[in-house]
């Protein structure tokens, strides 16, 4: 059970780090002036990460309950 908690914490830290990275990519791209390509790229990355996050939440629900 201790190992499962460690895995859940690692997933949460990864998701937080990826959201921060997407935020900074979007801000820096907006400052440079590449609004449209950066926004298209970050929407794609966010969609992929949300799918990854949903899959990990479903896996945690299956393992815990």
PDB file of N, CA and C in Angstrom:
ATOM      1  N   UNK A   1       0.826  -1.196   0.000  1.00  0.00           N
ATOM      2  CA  UNK A   1       0.000   0.000   0.000  1.00  0.00           C
ATOM      3  C   UNK A   1       0.870   1.259   0.000  1.00  0.00           C
ATOM      4  N   UNK A   2       2.018   1.162   0.682  1.00  0.00           N
ATOM      5  CA  UNK A   2       2.923   2.314   0.723  1.00  0.00           C
ATOM      6  C   UNK A   2       3.442   2.639  -0.673  1.00  0.00           C
ATOM      7  N   UNK A   3       3.721   1.614  -1.436  1.00  0.00           N
ATOM      8  CA  UNK A   3       4.229   1.810  -2.792  1.00  0.00           C
ATOM      9  C   UNK A   3       3.167   2.441  -3.692  1.00  0.00           C
ATOM     10  N   UNK A   4       1.901   2.081  -3.490  1.00  0.00           N
ATOM     11  CA  UNK A   4       0.819   2.660  -4.275  1.00  0.00           C
ATOM     12  C   UNK A   4       0.700   4.156  -3.997  1.00  0.00           C
ATOM     13  N   UNK A   5       0.842   4.546  -2.740  1.00  0.00           N
ATOM     14  CA  UNK A   5       0.809   5.970  -2.400  1.00  0.00           C
ATOM     15  C   UNK A   5       1.946   6.727  -3.064  1.00  0.00           C
ATOM     16  N   UNK A   6       3.111   6.101  -3.122  1.00  0.00           N
ATOM     17  CA  UNK A   6       4.251   6.731  -3.792  1.00  0.00           C
ATOM     18  C   UNK A   6       3.976   6.906  -5.279  1.00  0.00           C
ATOM     19  N   UNK A   7       3.369   5.900  -5.913  1.00  0.00           N
ATOM     20  CA  UNK A   7       3.045   5.992  -7.337  1.00  0.00           C
ATOM     21  C   UNK A   7       2.022   7.096  -7.602  1.00  0.00           C
ATOM     22  N   UNK A   8       1.017   7.212  -6.726  1.00  0.00           N
ATOM     23  CA  UNK A   8       0.004   8.258  -6.883  1.00  0.00           C
ATOM     24  C   UNK A   8       0.639   9.633  -6.736  1.00  0.00           C
ATOM     25  N   UNK A   9       1.512   9.792  -5.743  1.00  0.00           N
ATOM     26  CA  UNK A   9       2.186  11.079  -5.549  1.00  0.00           C
ATOM     27  C   UNK A   9       3.050  11.427  -6.758  1.00  0.00           C
ATOM     28  N   UNK A  10       3.724  10.435  -7.320  1.00  0.00           N
ATOM     29  CA  UNK A  10       4.556  10.681  -8.493  1.00  0.00           C
ATOM     30  C   UNK A  10       3.708  11.123  -9.690  1.00  0.00           C
ATOM     31  N   UNK A  11       2.548  10.500  -9.872  1.00  0.00           N
ATOM     32  CA  UNK A  11       1.651  10.905 -10.959  1.00  0.00           C
ATOM     33  C   UNK A  11       1.167  12.338 -10.773  1.00  0.00           C
ATOM     34  N   UNK A  12       0.830  12.692  -9.536  1.00  0.00           N
ATOM     35  CA  UNK A  12       0.340  14.048  -9.266  1.00  0.00           C
ATOM     36  C   UNK A  12       1.440  15.065  -9.536  1.00  0.00           C
ATOM     37  N   UNK A  13       2.661  14.791  -9.091  1.00  0.00           N
ATOM     38  CA  UNK A  13       3.772  15.719  -9.342  1.00  0.00           C
ATOM     39  C   UNK A  13       4.042  15.863 -10.836  1.00  0.00           C
ATOM     40  N   UNK A  14       3.957  14.769 -11.590  1.00  0.00           N
ATOM     41  CA  UNK A  14       4.160  14.843 -13.037  1.00  0.00           C
ATOM     42  C   UNK A  14       3.099  15.699 -13.707  1.00  0.00           C
ATOM     43  N   UNK A  15       1.857  15.546 -13.281  1.00  0.00           N
ATOM     44  CA  UNK A  15       0.781  16.318 -13.886  1.00  0.00           C
ATOM     45  C   UNK A  15       0.939  17.803 -13.579  1.00  0.00           C
ATOM     46  N   UNK A  16       1.330  18.140 -12.342  1.00  0.00           N
ATOM     47  CA  UNK A  16       1.543  19.545 -11.974  1.00  0.00           C
ATOM     48  C   UNK A  16       2.694  20.131 -12.785  1.00  0.00           C
ATOM     49  N   UNK A  17       3.789  19.382 -12.898  1.00  0.00           N
ATOM     50  CA  UNK A  17       4.942  19.878 -13.659  1.00  0.00           C
ATOM     51  C   UNK A  17       4.586  20.080 -15.128  1.00  0.00           C
ATOM     52  N   UNK A  18       3.813  19.174 -15.698  1.00  0.00           N
ATOM     53  CA  UNK A  18       3.461  19.323 -17.110  1.00  0.00           C
ATOM     54  C   UNK A  18       2.541  20.513 -17.337  1.00  0.00           C
ATOM     55  N   UNK A  19       1.634  20.783 -16.399  1.00  0.00           N
ATOM     56  CA  UNK A  19       0.768  21.959 -16.531  1.00  0.00           C
ATOM     57  C   UNK A  19       1.594  23.236 -16.461  1.00  0.00           C
ATOM     58  N   UNK A  20       2.571  23.293 -15.554  1.00  0.00           N
ATOM     59  CA  UNK A  20       3.426  24.478 -15.454  1.00  0.00           C
ATOM     60  C   UNK A  20       4.259  24.671 -16.717  1.00  0.00           C
ATOM     61  N   UNK A  21       4.771  23.584 -17.271  1.00  0.00           N
ATOM     62  CA  UNK A  21       5.561  23.688 -18.503  1.00  0.00           C
ATOM     63  C   UNK A  21       4.700  24.218 -19.647  1.00  0.00           C
ATOM     64  N   UNK A  22       3.472  23.703 -19.767  1.00  0.00           N
ATOM     65  CA  UNK A  22       2.572  24.199 -20.820  1.00  0.00           C
ATOM     66  C   UNK A  22       2.276  25.677 -20.621  1.00  0.00           C
ATOM     67  N   UNK A  23       2.068  26.085 -19.372  1.00  0.00           N
ATOM     68  CA  UNK A  23       1.783  27.494 -19.089  1.00  0.00           C
ATOM     69  C   UNK A  23       2.948  28.382 -19.533  1.00  0.00           C
ATOM     70  N   UNK A  24       4.178  27.995 -19.194  1.00  0.00           N
ATOM     71  CA  UNK A  24       5.327  28.823 -19.553  1.00  0.00           C
ATOM     72  C   UNK A  24       5.588  28.819 -21.059  1.00  0.00           C
ATOM     73  N   UNK A  25       5.342  27.692 -21.723  1.00  0.00           N
ATOM     74  CA  UNK A  25       5.473  27.666 -23.188  1.00  0.00           C
ATOM     75  C   UNK A  25       4.489  28.647 -23.809  1.00  0.00           C
ATOM     76  N   UNK A  26       3.269  28.663 -23.292  1.00  0.00           N
ATOM     77  CA  UNK A  26       2.242  29.544 -23.837  1.00  0.00           C
ATOM     78  C   UNK A  26       2.590  31.009 -23.589  1.00  0.00           C
ATOM     79  N   UNK A  27       3.071  31.331 -22.376  1.00  0.00           N
ATOM     80  CA  UNK A  27       3.416  32.720 -22.049  1.00  0.00           C
ATOM     81  C   UNK A  27       4.599  33.197 -22.888  1.00  0.00           C
ATOM     82  N   UNK A  28       5.651  32.388 -22.982  1.00  0.00           N
ATOM     83  CA  UNK A  28       6.838  32.785 -23.746  1.00  0.00           C
ATOM     84  C   UNK A  28       6.498  32.908 -25.228  1.00  0.00           C
ATOM     85  N   UNK A  29       5.693  31.982 -25.743  1.00  0.00           N
ATOM     86  CA  UNK A  29       5.272  32.076 -27.142  1.00  0.00           C
ATOM     87  C   UNK A  29       4.436  33.316 -27.399  1.00  0.00           C
ATOM     88  N   UNK A  30       3.612  33.696 -26.445  1.00  0.00           N
ATOM     89  CA  UNK A  30       2.821  34.917 -26.589  1.00  0.00           C
ATOM     90  C   UNK A  30       3.687  36.160 -26.557  1.00  0.00           C
ATOM     91  N   UNK A  31       4.743  36.147 -25.742  1.00  0.00           N
ATOM     92  CA  UNK A  31       5.647  37.300 -25.684  1.00  0.00           C
ATOM     93  C   UNK A  31       6.429  37.451 -26.985  1.00  0.00           C
ATOM     94  N   UNK A  32       6.830  36.331 -27.563  1.00  0.00           N
ATOM     95  CA  UNK A  32       7.602  36.384 -28.808  1.00  0.00           C
ATOM     96  C   UNK A  32       6.705  36.800 -29.975  1.00  0.00           C
ATOM     97  N   UNK A  33       5.453  36.379 -29.946  1.00  0.00           N
ATOM     98  CA  UNK A  33       4.528  36.730 -31.014  1.00  0.00           C
ATOM     99  C   UNK A  33       4.016  35.541 -31.796  1.00  0.00           C
ATOM    100  N   UNK A  34       4.371  34.337 -31.383  1.00  0.00           N
ATOM    101  CA  UNK A  34       3.894  33.123 -32.057  1.00  0.00           C
ATOM    102  C   UNK A  34       2.609  32.639 -31.389  1.00  0.00           C
ATOM    103  N   UNK A  35       1.570  33.444 -31.455  1.00  0.00           N
ATOM    104  CA  UNK A  35       0.353  33.100 -30.717  1.00  0.00           C
ATOM    105  C   UNK A  35      -0.317  31.852 -31.274  1.00  0.00           C
ATOM    106  N   UNK A  36      -0.583  31.843 -32.564  1.00  0.00           N
ATOM    107  CA  UNK A  36      -1.367  30.743 -33.134  1.00  0.00           C
ATOM    108  C   UNK A  36      -0.635  29.398 -33.094  1.00  0.00           C
ATOM    109  N   UNK A  37       0.629  29.291 -33.547  1.00  0.00           N
ATOM    110  CA  UNK A  37       1.283  27.970 -33.495  1.00  0.00           C
ATOM    111  C   UNK A  37       1.464  27.460 -32.071  1.00  0.00           C
ATOM    112  N   UNK A  38       1.806  28.360 -31.141  1.00  0.00           N
ATOM    113  CA  UNK A  38       2.001  27.935 -29.751  1.00  0.00           C
ATOM    114  C   UNK A  38       0.675  27.475 -29.153  1.00  0.00           C
ATOM    115  N   UNK A  39      -0.406  28.193 -29.441  1.00  0.00           N
ATOM    116  CA  UNK A  39      -1.697  27.789 -28.893  1.00  0.00           C
ATOM    117  C   UNK A  39      -2.158  26.454 -29.457  1.00  0.00           C
ATOM    118  N   UNK A  40      -1.940  26.232 -30.742  1.00  0.00           N
ATOM    119  CA  UNK A  40      -2.311  24.940 -31.337  1.00  0.00           C
ATOM    120  C   UNK A  40      -1.500  23.820 -30.703  1.00  0.00           C
ATOM    121  N   UNK A  41      -0.199  24.055 -30.500  1.00  0.00           N
ATOM    122  CA  UNK A  41       0.658  23.041 -29.901  1.00  0.00           C
ATOM    123  C   UNK A  41       0.250  22.756 -28.455  1.00  0.00           C
ATOM    124  N   UNK A  42      -0.016  23.813 -27.674  1.00  0.00           N
ATOM    125  CA  UNK A  42      -0.368  23.594 -26.270  1.00  0.00           C
ATOM    126  C   UNK A  42      -1.741  22.948 -26.127  1.00  0.00           C
ATOM    127  N   UNK A  43      -2.656  23.233 -27.046  1.00  0.00           N
ATOM    128  CA  UNK A  43      -3.956  22.547 -26.994  1.00  0.00           C
ATOM    129  C   UNK A  43      -3.768  21.056 -27.258  1.00  0.00           C
ATOM    130  N   UNK A  44      -2.910  20.711 -28.209  1.00  0.00           N
ATOM    131  CA  UNK A  44      -2.628  19.298 -28.468  1.00  0.00           C
ATOM    132  C   UNK A  44      -1.981  18.613 -27.280  1.00  0.00           C
ATOM    133  N   UNK A  45      -1.005  19.284 -26.668  1.00  0.00           N
ATOM    134  CA  UNK A  45      -0.330  18.712 -25.501  1.00  0.00           C
ATOM    135  C   UNK A  45      -1.310  18.566 -24.345  1.00  0.00           C
ATOM    136  N   UNK A  46      -2.147  19.580 -24.128  1.00  0.00           N
ATOM    137  CA  UNK A  46      -3.113  19.530 -23.030  1.00  0.00           C
ATOM    138  C   UNK A  46      -4.115  18.401 -23.236  1.00  0.00           C
ATOM    139  N   UNK A  47      -4.549  18.209 -24.474  1.00  0.00           N
ATOM    140  CA  UNK A  47      -5.485  17.118 -24.762  1.00  0.00           C
ATOM    141  C   UNK A  47      -4.844  15.769 -24.464  1.00  0.00           C
ATOM    142  N   UNK A  48      -3.595  15.605 -24.867  1.00  0.00           N
ATOM    143  CA  UNK A  48      -2.896  14.341 -24.604  1.00  0.00           C
ATOM    144  C   UNK A  48      -2.721  14.127 -23.105  1.00  0.00           C
ATOM    145  N   UNK A  49      -2.352  15.190 -22.387  1.00  0.00           N
ATOM    146  CA  UNK A  49      -2.138  15.046 -20.949  1.00  0.00           C
ATOM    147  C   UNK A  49      -3.443  14.813 -20.206  1.00  0.00           C
ATOM    148  N   UNK A  50      -4.537  15.416 -20.661  1.00  0.00           N
ATOM    149  CA  UNK A  50      -5.802  15.175 -19.982  1.00  0.00           C
ATOM    150  C   UNK A  50      -6.238  13.727 -20.181  1.00  0.00           C
ATOM    151  N   UNK A  51      -5.969  13.178 -21.359  1.00  0.00           N
ATOM    152  CA  UNK A  51      -6.250  11.761 -21.567  1.00  0.00           C
ATOM    153  C   UNK A  51      -5.389  10.890 -20.673  1.00  0.00           C
ATOM    154  N   UNK A  52      -4.113  11.263 -20.526  1.00  0.00           N
ATOM    155  CA  UNK A  52      -3.204  10.532 -19.641  1.00  0.00           C
ATOM    156  C   UNK A  52      -3.677  10.643 -18.199  1.00  0.00           C
ATOM    157  N   UNK A  53      -4.126  11.839 -17.808  1.00  0.00           N
ATOM    158  CA  UNK A  53      -4.602  12.039 -16.438  1.00  0.00           C
ATOM    159  C   UNK A  53      -5.861  11.244 -16.157  1.00  0.00           C
ATOM    160  N   UNK A  54      -6.787  11.204 -17.118  1.00  0.00           N
ATOM    161  CA  UNK A  54      -8.012  10.432 -16.930  1.00  0.00           C
ATOM    162  C   UNK A  54      -7.708   8.944 -16.841  1.00  0.00           C
ATOM    163  N   UNK A  55      -6.776   8.477 -17.661  1.00  0.00           N
ATOM    164  CA  UNK A  55      -6.413   7.061 -17.617  1.00  0.00           C
ATOM    165  C   UNK A  55      -5.780   6.710 -16.274  1.00  0.00           C
ATOM    166  N   UNK A  56      -4.930   7.591 -15.749  1.00  0.00           N
ATOM    167  CA  UNK A  56      -4.294   7.298 -14.464  1.00  0.00           C
ATOM    168  C   UNK A  56      -5.310   7.344 -13.333  1.00  0.00           C
ATOM    169  N   UNK A  57      -6.292   8.270 -13.410  1.00  0.00           N
ATOM    170  CA  UNK A  57      -7.328   8.309 -12.377  1.00  0.00           C
ATOM    171  C   UNK A  57      -8.191   7.052 -12.412  1.00  0.00           C
ATOM    172  N   UNK A  58      -8.516   6.565 -13.611  1.00  0.00           N
ATOM    173  CA  UNK A  58      -9.302   5.330 -13.708  1.00  0.00           C
ATOM    174  C   UNK A  58      -8.510   4.151 -13.160  1.00  0.00           C
ATOM    175  N   UNK A  59      -7.212   4.124 -13.435  1.00  0.00           N
ATOM    176  CA  UNK A  59      -6.374   3.046 -12.923  1.00  0.00           C
ATOM    177  C   UNK A  59      -6.316   3.086 -11.400  1.00  0.00           C
ATOM    178  N   UNK A  60      -6.187   4.301 -10.824  1.00  0.00           N
ATOM    179  CA  UNK A  60      -6.164   4.414  -9.366  1.00  0.00           C
ATOM    180  C   UNK A  60      -7.488   3.949  -8.776  1.00  0.00           C
ATOM    181  N   UNK A  61      -8.603   4.300  -9.416  1.00  0.00           N
ATOM    182  CA  UNK A  61      -9.910   3.882  -8.916  1.00  0.00           C
ATOM    183  C   UNK A  61     -10.044   2.362  -8.949  1.00  0.00           C
ATOM    184  N   UNK A  62      -9.543   1.744 -10.013  1.00  0.00           N
ATOM    185  CA  UNK A  62      -9.608   0.284 -10.110  1.00  0.00           C
ATOM    186  C   UNK A  62      -8.738  -0.354  -9.026  1.00  0.00           C
ATOM    187  N   UNK A  63      -7.546   0.200  -8.798  1.00  0.00           N
ATOM    188  CA  UNK A  63      -6.628  -0.394  -7.824  1.00  0.00           C
ATOM    189  C   UNK A  63      -7.091  -0.190  -6.388  1.00  0.00           C
ATOM    190  N   UNK A  64      -7.666   0.978  -6.090  1.00  0.00           N
ATOM    191  CA  UNK A  64      -8.005   1.286  -4.698  1.00  0.00           C
ATOM    192  C   UNK A  64      -9.356   0.698  -4.309  1.00  0.00           C
ATOM    193  N   UNK A  65     -10.350   0.813  -5.189  1.00  0.00           N
ATOM    194  CA  UNK A  65     -11.707   0.389  -4.799  1.00  0.00           C
ATOM    195  C   UNK A  65     -12.020  -0.956  -5.370  1.00  0.00           C
TER     196      UNK A  65
END
